[in-house]
Amino acid sequence: MWNCPLKRGNSSYHLSLREVEALLEEQWGLKFSLGAISESQAPLRQWLGPVYRQIGEAVRRSCVAHADETRHYRNRSVYWLWTLTTDDVAYFMTHYSRGKGAAQTLLGDFQGILMTDRHGAYNDHPEAKHQYCWAHLIRNLERIAQCKGQAGKDGRRLLQIARMTVHCGKRYYRSERYRRRLFWLKARFYRELEQAARKHGDSKTGRSCRKLLDDFPRFWTFLDHPGVPMTNNAAERALRPYVIWRKKSFFSQSHRGDCFRPMILSVIETCKRLKIGVYQTLRTICAQGMCDGKVTFRLPIPEPQPLPVPNS
């Protein structure tokens, strides 16, 4: 059963293989070579397969999901680790591309509301069901606001409206007053963007404003679907443990490692969301896999709850 503490230490506690090797010897008196530790990923990858697919199917049935991606290295080659996450599940996938094909592989038949950070690979998802992150918008406007002259003045005005929108958006569900204010801010924000785009022409500021005008409908999806958040923080938090692991473990060195990492991360992060024990879950999966090779264990993932109906 050494697969359980070994692999949980490797992924949940961000230990490198050498650190796992040292932990096994110091804590349990077990001596395994680095090659043996790496080889243990092969059977565990097969055992994790059914649970990994369950997580993928569950996240694609959800009403709202957050998507994001970060760099994933194999030796000196750059790949990408993608995530699609909800409050209950976190699904990860490695891919050689950051383009639309990879995004479509991640989303599959997902038909819910998608929250992203304005990366164009997700733009094949229907506009009416696509929400852009306001935190990323504010960061973009802060860069414009730091410019000198008229561009800086226009950027600061747009930034003020964006911050007021986020402030009202957090209180949007409390009363009709905040909803009316949000529609007023939406119209004001559009007018200011149009004026800035005309005023600054083909400058960097003008191009940024025209791009925001093109993206404008995707910033306001939350108004038509109460319960949809305004930021993509959930996906960024899901990726953070992997980013820490990546920095400490010298990336992956093989295709097997590229396949193993998203599986183990999906199981661990989903267990955390469901508030069930990661160690006991992996122990059960390993025990079933070693007994007859057939893993019947499944995570207790709840059915997705529909979004509330917006007020007329």
Protein backbone atom coordinates (compact mmCIF):
# COMPACT_ATOMS: atom_id res chain seq x y z
CA MET A 1 0.00 0.00 0.00
CA TRP A 2 3.01 2.32 -0.25
CA ASN A 3 1.46 3.79 -3.41
CA CYS A 4 -0.86 5.89 -1.26
CA PRO A 5 1.55 7.88 0.95
CA LEU A 6 4.06 8.01 -1.89
CA LYS A 7 1.77 9.57 -4.45
CA ARG A 8 -0.06 11.80 -2.04
CA GLY A 9 3.29 13.14 -0.81
CA ASN A 10 4.39 13.68 -4.38
CA SER A 11 1.33 15.68 -5.43
CA SER A 12 -0.61 16.93 -2.40
CA TYR A 13 2.44 18.06 -0.41
CA HIS A 14 4.49 19.14 -3.45
CA LEU A 15 7.45 16.85 -2.75
CA SER A 16 9.97 16.01 -5.44
CA LEU A 17 10.72 12.33 -6.12
CA ARG A 18 13.97 12.60 -4.14
CA GLU A 19 12.08 14.06 -1.19
CA VAL A 20 9.53 11.23 -1.42
CA GLU A 21 12.40 8.74 -1.50
CA ALA A 22 13.89 10.28 1.65
CA LEU A 23 10.49 10.39 3.41
CA LEU A 24 9.79 6.71 2.75
CA GLU A 25 13.12 5.66 4.18
CA GLU A 26 13.02 7.97 7.21
CA GLN A 27 9.37 7.42 8.16
CA TRP A 28 8.81 3.76 7.26
CA GLY A 29 12.27 2.35 6.65
CA LEU A 30 11.36 1.58 3.03
CA LYS A 31 14.05 1.89 0.38
CA PHE A 32 12.92 2.51 -3.17
CA SER A 33 14.94 3.85 -6.06
CA LEU A 34 13.81 6.91 -7.99
CA GLY A 35 13.05 4.63 -10.93
CA ALA A 36 10.78 2.40 -8.82
CA ILE A 37 8.91 5.43 -7.49
CA SER A 38 8.42 6.73 -11.01
CA GLU A 39 7.34 3.30 -12.28
CA SER A 40 4.60 3.16 -9.63
CA GLN A 41 2.73 5.83 -11.59
CA ALA A 42 1.87 3.34 -14.35
CA PRO A 43 -0.53 1.06 -12.40
CA LEU A 44 -1.91 3.92 -10.33
CA ARG A 45 -2.72 5.81 -13.51
CA GLN A 46 -4.91 2.91 -14.65
CA TRP A 47 -6.62 2.66 -11.27
CA LEU A 48 -7.35 6.39 -11.18
CA GLY A 49 -8.88 6.30 -14.66
CA PRO A 50 -12.53 5.57 -13.69
CA VAL A 51 -12.57 8.25 -10.98
CA TYR A 52 -10.84 10.74 -13.27
CA ARG A 53 -13.48 10.18 -15.95
CA GLN A 54 -16.23 10.55 -13.33
CA ILE A 55 -14.83 13.96 -12.39
CA GLY A 56 -14.68 15.02 -16.04
CA GLU A 57 -18.28 13.99 -16.67
CA ALA A 58 -19.46 15.74 -13.50
CA VAL A 59 -17.77 19.07 -14.26
CA ARG A 60 -19.21 19.09 -17.80
CA ARG A 61 -22.75 18.63 -16.41
CA SER A 62 -22.42 21.64 -14.12
CA CYS A 63 -24.37 24.87 -14.56
CA VAL A 64 -21.35 27.14 -13.98
CA ALA A 65 -17.67 26.28 -14.42
CA HIS A 66 -14.38 28.18 -14.35
CA ALA A 67 -11.64 27.49 -16.92
CA ASP A 68 -7.99 28.47 -16.92
CA GLU A 69 -4.60 27.18 -18.03
CA THR A 70 -0.93 27.46 -17.09
CA ARG A 71 2.38 26.31 -18.51
CA HIS A 72 3.37 22.69 -18.02
CA TYR A 73 6.93 21.63 -18.82
CA ARG A 74 8.26 18.29 -19.98
CA ASN A 75 12.03 18.61 -19.88
CA ARG A 76 12.56 21.73 -22.05
CA SER A 77 9.29 21.47 -23.99
CA VAL A 78 6.35 23.70 -23.11
CA TYR A 79 2.92 22.12 -22.70
CA TRP A 80 -0.18 23.41 -20.93
CA LEU A 81 -2.14 22.26 -17.90
CA TRP A 82 -5.83 23.16 -18.28
CA THR A 83 -8.48 23.14 -15.58
CA LEU A 84 -12.27 23.21 -15.54
CA THR A 85 -13.52 23.61 -11.99
CA THR A 86 -16.65 24.16 -9.90
CA ASP A 87 -17.37 24.39 -6.18
CA ASP A 88 -17.56 20.57 -6.01
CA VAL A 89 -15.05 19.25 -8.55
CA ALA A 90 -11.76 20.19 -10.22
CA TYR A 91 -10.80 18.57 -13.53
CA PHE A 92 -7.30 18.91 -15.03
CA MET A 93 -5.89 18.06 -18.45
CA THR A 94 -2.46 18.40 -20.09
CA HIS A 95 -2.17 19.39 -23.75
CA TYR A 96 0.60 20.47 -26.11
CA SER A 97 -1.48 23.48 -27.27
CA ARG A 98 -3.08 26.57 -25.76
CA GLY A 99 -5.41 26.97 -28.73
CA LYS A 100 -9.09 26.38 -29.48
CA GLY A 101 -8.65 22.66 -30.09
CA ALA A 102 -7.33 22.14 -26.58
CA ALA A 103 -10.09 24.32 -25.10
CA GLN A 104 -12.72 22.26 -26.91
CA THR A 105 -11.17 19.04 -25.62
CA LEU A 106 -11.36 20.45 -22.10
CA LEU A 107 -14.97 21.63 -22.39
CA GLY A 108 -16.33 18.63 -24.31
CA ASP A 109 -20.13 18.82 -24.23
CA PHE A 110 -20.26 21.46 -21.48
CA GLN A 111 -23.37 23.64 -21.98
CA GLY A 112 -23.36 25.74 -18.82
CA ILE A 113 -22.10 29.24 -18.04
CA LEU A 114 -18.34 29.43 -18.60
CA MET A 115 -16.13 31.85 -16.66
CA THR A 116 -12.75 32.69 -18.27
CA ASP A 117 -10.04 35.34 -18.31
CA ARG A 118 -10.58 36.63 -21.91
CA HIS A 119 -8.31 34.02 -23.49
CA GLY A 120 -9.60 33.74 -27.07
CA ALA A 121 -9.40 29.92 -27.17
CA TYR A 122 -12.69 29.75 -25.25
CA ASN A 123 -14.61 32.09 -27.56
CA ASP A 124 -16.34 29.28 -29.47
CA HIS A 125 -18.49 28.88 -26.36
CA PRO A 126 -21.82 30.73 -26.88
CA GLU A 127 -21.53 34.42 -26.07
CA ALA A 128 -24.74 34.40 -24.01
CA LYS A 129 -23.23 31.72 -21.74
CA HIS A 130 -19.73 33.15 -21.42
CA GLN A 131 -18.69 35.44 -18.56
CA TYR A 132 -15.36 37.28 -18.62
CA CYS A 133 -13.44 37.95 -15.42
CA TRP A 134 -13.75 41.48 -14.06
CA ALA A 135 -10.54 41.16 -12.07
CA HIS A 136 -8.63 40.75 -15.34
CA LEU A 137 -10.53 43.70 -16.84
CA ILE A 138 -9.56 45.90 -13.91
CA ARG A 139 -5.89 44.91 -14.30
CA ASN A 140 -6.09 45.87 -17.98
CA LEU A 141 -7.66 49.23 -17.15
CA GLU A 142 -5.05 49.90 -14.47
CA ARG A 143 -2.36 49.73 -17.15
CA ILE A 144 -4.24 52.30 -19.24
CA ALA A 145 -4.77 54.49 -16.17
CA GLN A 146 -1.00 54.61 -15.60
CA CYS A 147 -0.43 56.21 -19.03
CA LYS A 148 0.38 59.90 -19.28
CA GLY A 149 -1.93 62.54 -20.68
CA GLN A 150 -5.47 62.00 -21.95
CA ALA A 151 -5.07 58.21 -22.16
CA GLY A 152 -4.40 58.08 -18.42
CA LYS A 153 -7.41 60.28 -17.65
CA ASP A 154 -9.72 58.13 -19.76
CA GLY A 155 -8.26 54.98 -18.22
CA ARG A 156 -8.87 56.25 -14.70
CA ARG A 157 -12.49 57.09 -15.55
CA LEU A 158 -13.06 53.63 -17.01
CA LEU A 159 -11.34 52.06 -14.01
CA GLN A 160 -13.62 53.94 -11.62
CA ILE A 161 -16.72 52.68 -13.43
CA ALA A 162 -15.37 49.09 -13.42
CA ARG A 163 -14.72 49.20 -9.69
CA MET A 164 -18.18 50.62 -9.03
CA THR A 165 -19.62 47.79 -11.14
CA VAL A 166 -17.83 45.13 -9.08
CA HIS A 167 -18.96 46.86 -5.87
CA CYS A 168 -22.61 46.85 -7.02
CA GLY A 169 -22.29 43.35 -8.47
CA LYS A 170 -21.48 41.96 -5.04
CA ARG A 171 -24.74 43.46 -3.74
CA TYR A 172 -26.76 42.85 -6.89
CA TYR A 173 -28.89 40.09 -5.29
CA ARG A 174 -29.90 42.16 -2.28
CA SER A 175 -32.31 44.57 -3.94
CA GLU A 176 -33.67 45.83 -7.25
CA ARG A 177 -31.85 49.13 -6.61
CA TYR A 178 -28.45 47.56 -7.25
CA ARG A 179 -29.74 45.86 -10.39
CA ARG A 180 -30.92 49.20 -11.82
CA ARG A 181 -27.60 50.78 -10.93
CA LEU A 182 -25.73 48.01 -12.73
CA PHE A 183 -27.69 48.61 -15.93
CA TRP A 184 -26.90 52.32 -15.66
CA LEU A 185 -23.20 51.53 -15.17
CA LYS A 186 -23.29 49.17 -18.15
CA ALA A 187 -24.59 51.93 -20.43
CA ARG A 188 -22.13 54.47 -19.01
CA PHE A 189 -19.19 52.09 -19.43
CA TYR A 190 -20.12 51.44 -23.08
CA ARG A 191 -20.34 55.18 -23.85
CA GLU A 192 -16.99 55.88 -22.24
CA LEU A 193 -15.34 53.04 -24.17
CA GLU A 194 -16.79 54.29 -27.45
CA GLN A 195 -15.55 57.82 -26.80
CA ALA A 196 -12.08 56.63 -25.80
CA ALA A 197 -11.83 54.36 -28.85
CA ARG A 198 -12.67 57.27 -31.19
CA LYS A 199 -10.47 59.72 -29.34
CA HIS A 200 -7.31 57.60 -29.33
CA GLY A 201 -7.63 56.19 -32.83
CA ASP A 202 -4.98 53.63 -33.76
CA SER A 203 -2.89 54.12 -30.63
CA LYS A 204 -2.39 51.30 -28.14
CA THR A 205 -5.09 52.77 -25.91
CA GLY A 206 -7.52 53.05 -28.82
CA ARG A 207 -6.94 49.44 -29.86
CA SER A 208 -7.43 48.26 -26.27
CA CYS A 209 -10.73 50.11 -26.04
CA ARG A 210 -11.96 48.67 -29.34
CA LYS A 211 -11.07 45.17 -28.14
CA LEU A 212 -13.05 45.78 -24.95
CA LEU A 213 -16.00 46.91 -27.08
CA ASP A 214 -15.82 43.64 -29.03
CA ASP A 215 -15.74 41.70 -25.77
CA PHE A 216 -18.37 43.87 -24.07
CA PRO A 217 -21.34 41.41 -24.01
CA ARG A 218 -19.25 38.73 -22.29
CA PHE A 219 -18.61 40.99 -19.30
CA TRP A 220 -22.31 41.26 -18.45
CA THR A 221 -23.56 37.67 -18.61
CA PHE A 222 -23.95 37.67 -14.83
CA LEU A 223 -26.87 40.11 -15.17
CA ASP A 224 -28.93 37.49 -17.02
CA HIS A 225 -27.87 34.57 -14.84
CA PRO A 226 -27.99 35.31 -11.08
CA GLY A 227 -25.42 33.26 -9.18
CA VAL A 228 -22.70 33.60 -11.82
CA PRO A 229 -19.58 35.13 -10.20
CA MET A 230 -17.77 38.13 -11.68
CA THR A 231 -14.22 36.79 -11.31
CA ASN A 232 -12.30 33.68 -12.32
CA ASN A 233 -10.57 33.32 -8.95
CA ALA A 234 -11.85 29.75 -8.52
CA ALA A 235 -9.85 28.47 -11.49
CA GLU A 236 -6.73 30.36 -10.41
CA ARG A 237 -6.97 28.87 -6.92
CA ALA A 238 -7.36 25.40 -8.45
CA LEU A 239 -4.12 25.86 -10.43
CA ARG A 240 -2.10 27.27 -7.54
CA PRO A 241 -1.15 23.90 -5.93
CA TYR A 242 0.13 22.68 -9.30
CA VAL A 243 2.19 25.85 -9.83
CA ILE A 244 3.86 25.30 -6.44
CA TRP A 245 4.48 21.64 -7.28
CA ARG A 246 5.89 22.58 -10.69
CA LYS A 247 8.42 24.94 -9.15
CA LYS A 248 9.67 22.33 -6.68
CA SER A 249 9.64 19.12 -8.70
CA PHE A 250 11.58 19.98 -11.89
CA PHE A 251 8.51 19.41 -14.08
CA SER A 252 7.70 16.04 -15.66
CA GLN A 253 10.17 13.98 -17.68
CA SER A 254 7.91 11.69 -19.74
CA HIS A 255 4.54 11.26 -21.41
CA ARG A 256 3.56 9.00 -18.50
CA GLY A 257 4.18 11.84 -16.07
CA ASP A 258 2.15 14.23 -18.24
CA CYS A 259 -0.81 11.83 -18.05
CA PHE A 260 -0.42 11.09 -14.35
CA ARG A 261 -0.29 14.64 -13.06
CA PRO A 262 -3.77 15.79 -14.16
CA MET A 263 -5.30 12.56 -12.84
CA ILE A 264 -3.83 12.78 -9.36
CA LEU A 265 -4.48 16.53 -9.17
CA SER A 266 -8.12 16.04 -10.20
CA VAL A 267 -8.70 13.44 -7.48
CA ILE A 268 -6.90 15.40 -4.76
CA GLU A 269 -8.51 18.78 -5.50
CA THR A 270 -11.98 17.24 -5.87
CA CYS A 271 -11.59 15.42 -2.53
CA LYS A 272 -10.70 18.73 -0.89
CA ARG A 273 -13.83 20.35 -2.32
CA LEU A 274 -16.01 17.47 -1.19
CA LYS A 275 -14.31 17.53 2.23
CA ILE A 276 -13.42 13.84 2.17
CA GLY A 277 -10.09 12.29 3.10
CA VAL A 278 -7.55 12.25 0.27
CA TYR A 279 -5.42 9.52 1.84
CA GLN A 280 -8.33 7.15 2.48
CA THR A 281 -9.68 7.76 -1.03
CA LEU A 282 -6.36 6.88 -2.65
CA ARG A 283 -5.94 3.91 -0.32
CA THR A 284 -9.34 2.54 -1.35
CA ILE A 285 -8.56 3.00 -5.05
CA CYS A 286 -5.17 1.30 -4.70
CA ALA A 287 -6.62 -1.58 -2.66
CA GLN A 288 -9.27 -2.29 -5.29
CA GLY A 289 -6.75 -1.98 -8.09
CA MET A 290 -4.27 -4.38 -6.50
CA CYS A 291 -6.94 -6.95 -5.59
CA ASP A 292 -8.56 -7.54 -8.97
CA GLY A 293 -7.56 -4.58 -11.13
CA LYS A 294 -11.14 -3.27 -11.27
CA VAL A 295 -11.84 -0.01 -9.44
CA THR A 296 -15.50 0.38 -8.49
CA PHE A 297 -14.97 3.27 -6.07
CA ARG A 298 -16.63 6.57 -7.06
CA LEU A 299 -16.58 9.98 -5.41
CA PRO A 300 -19.83 11.25 -3.80
CA ILE A 301 -20.24 14.15 -6.23
CA PRO A 302 -23.62 15.90 -5.82
CA GLU A 303 -25.85 16.65 -8.80
CA PRO A 304 -25.57 20.24 -10.09
CA GLN A 305 -28.14 22.71 -8.82
CA PRO A 306 -29.86 24.96 -11.41
CA LEU A 307 -29.19 28.69 -11.33
CA PRO A 308 -31.92 30.94 -9.89
CA VAL A 309 -34.27 32.60 -12.37
CA PRO A 310 -33.47 36.31 -12.85
CA ASN A 311 -36.02 38.94 -11.85
CA SER A 312 -37.89 40.51 -14.75
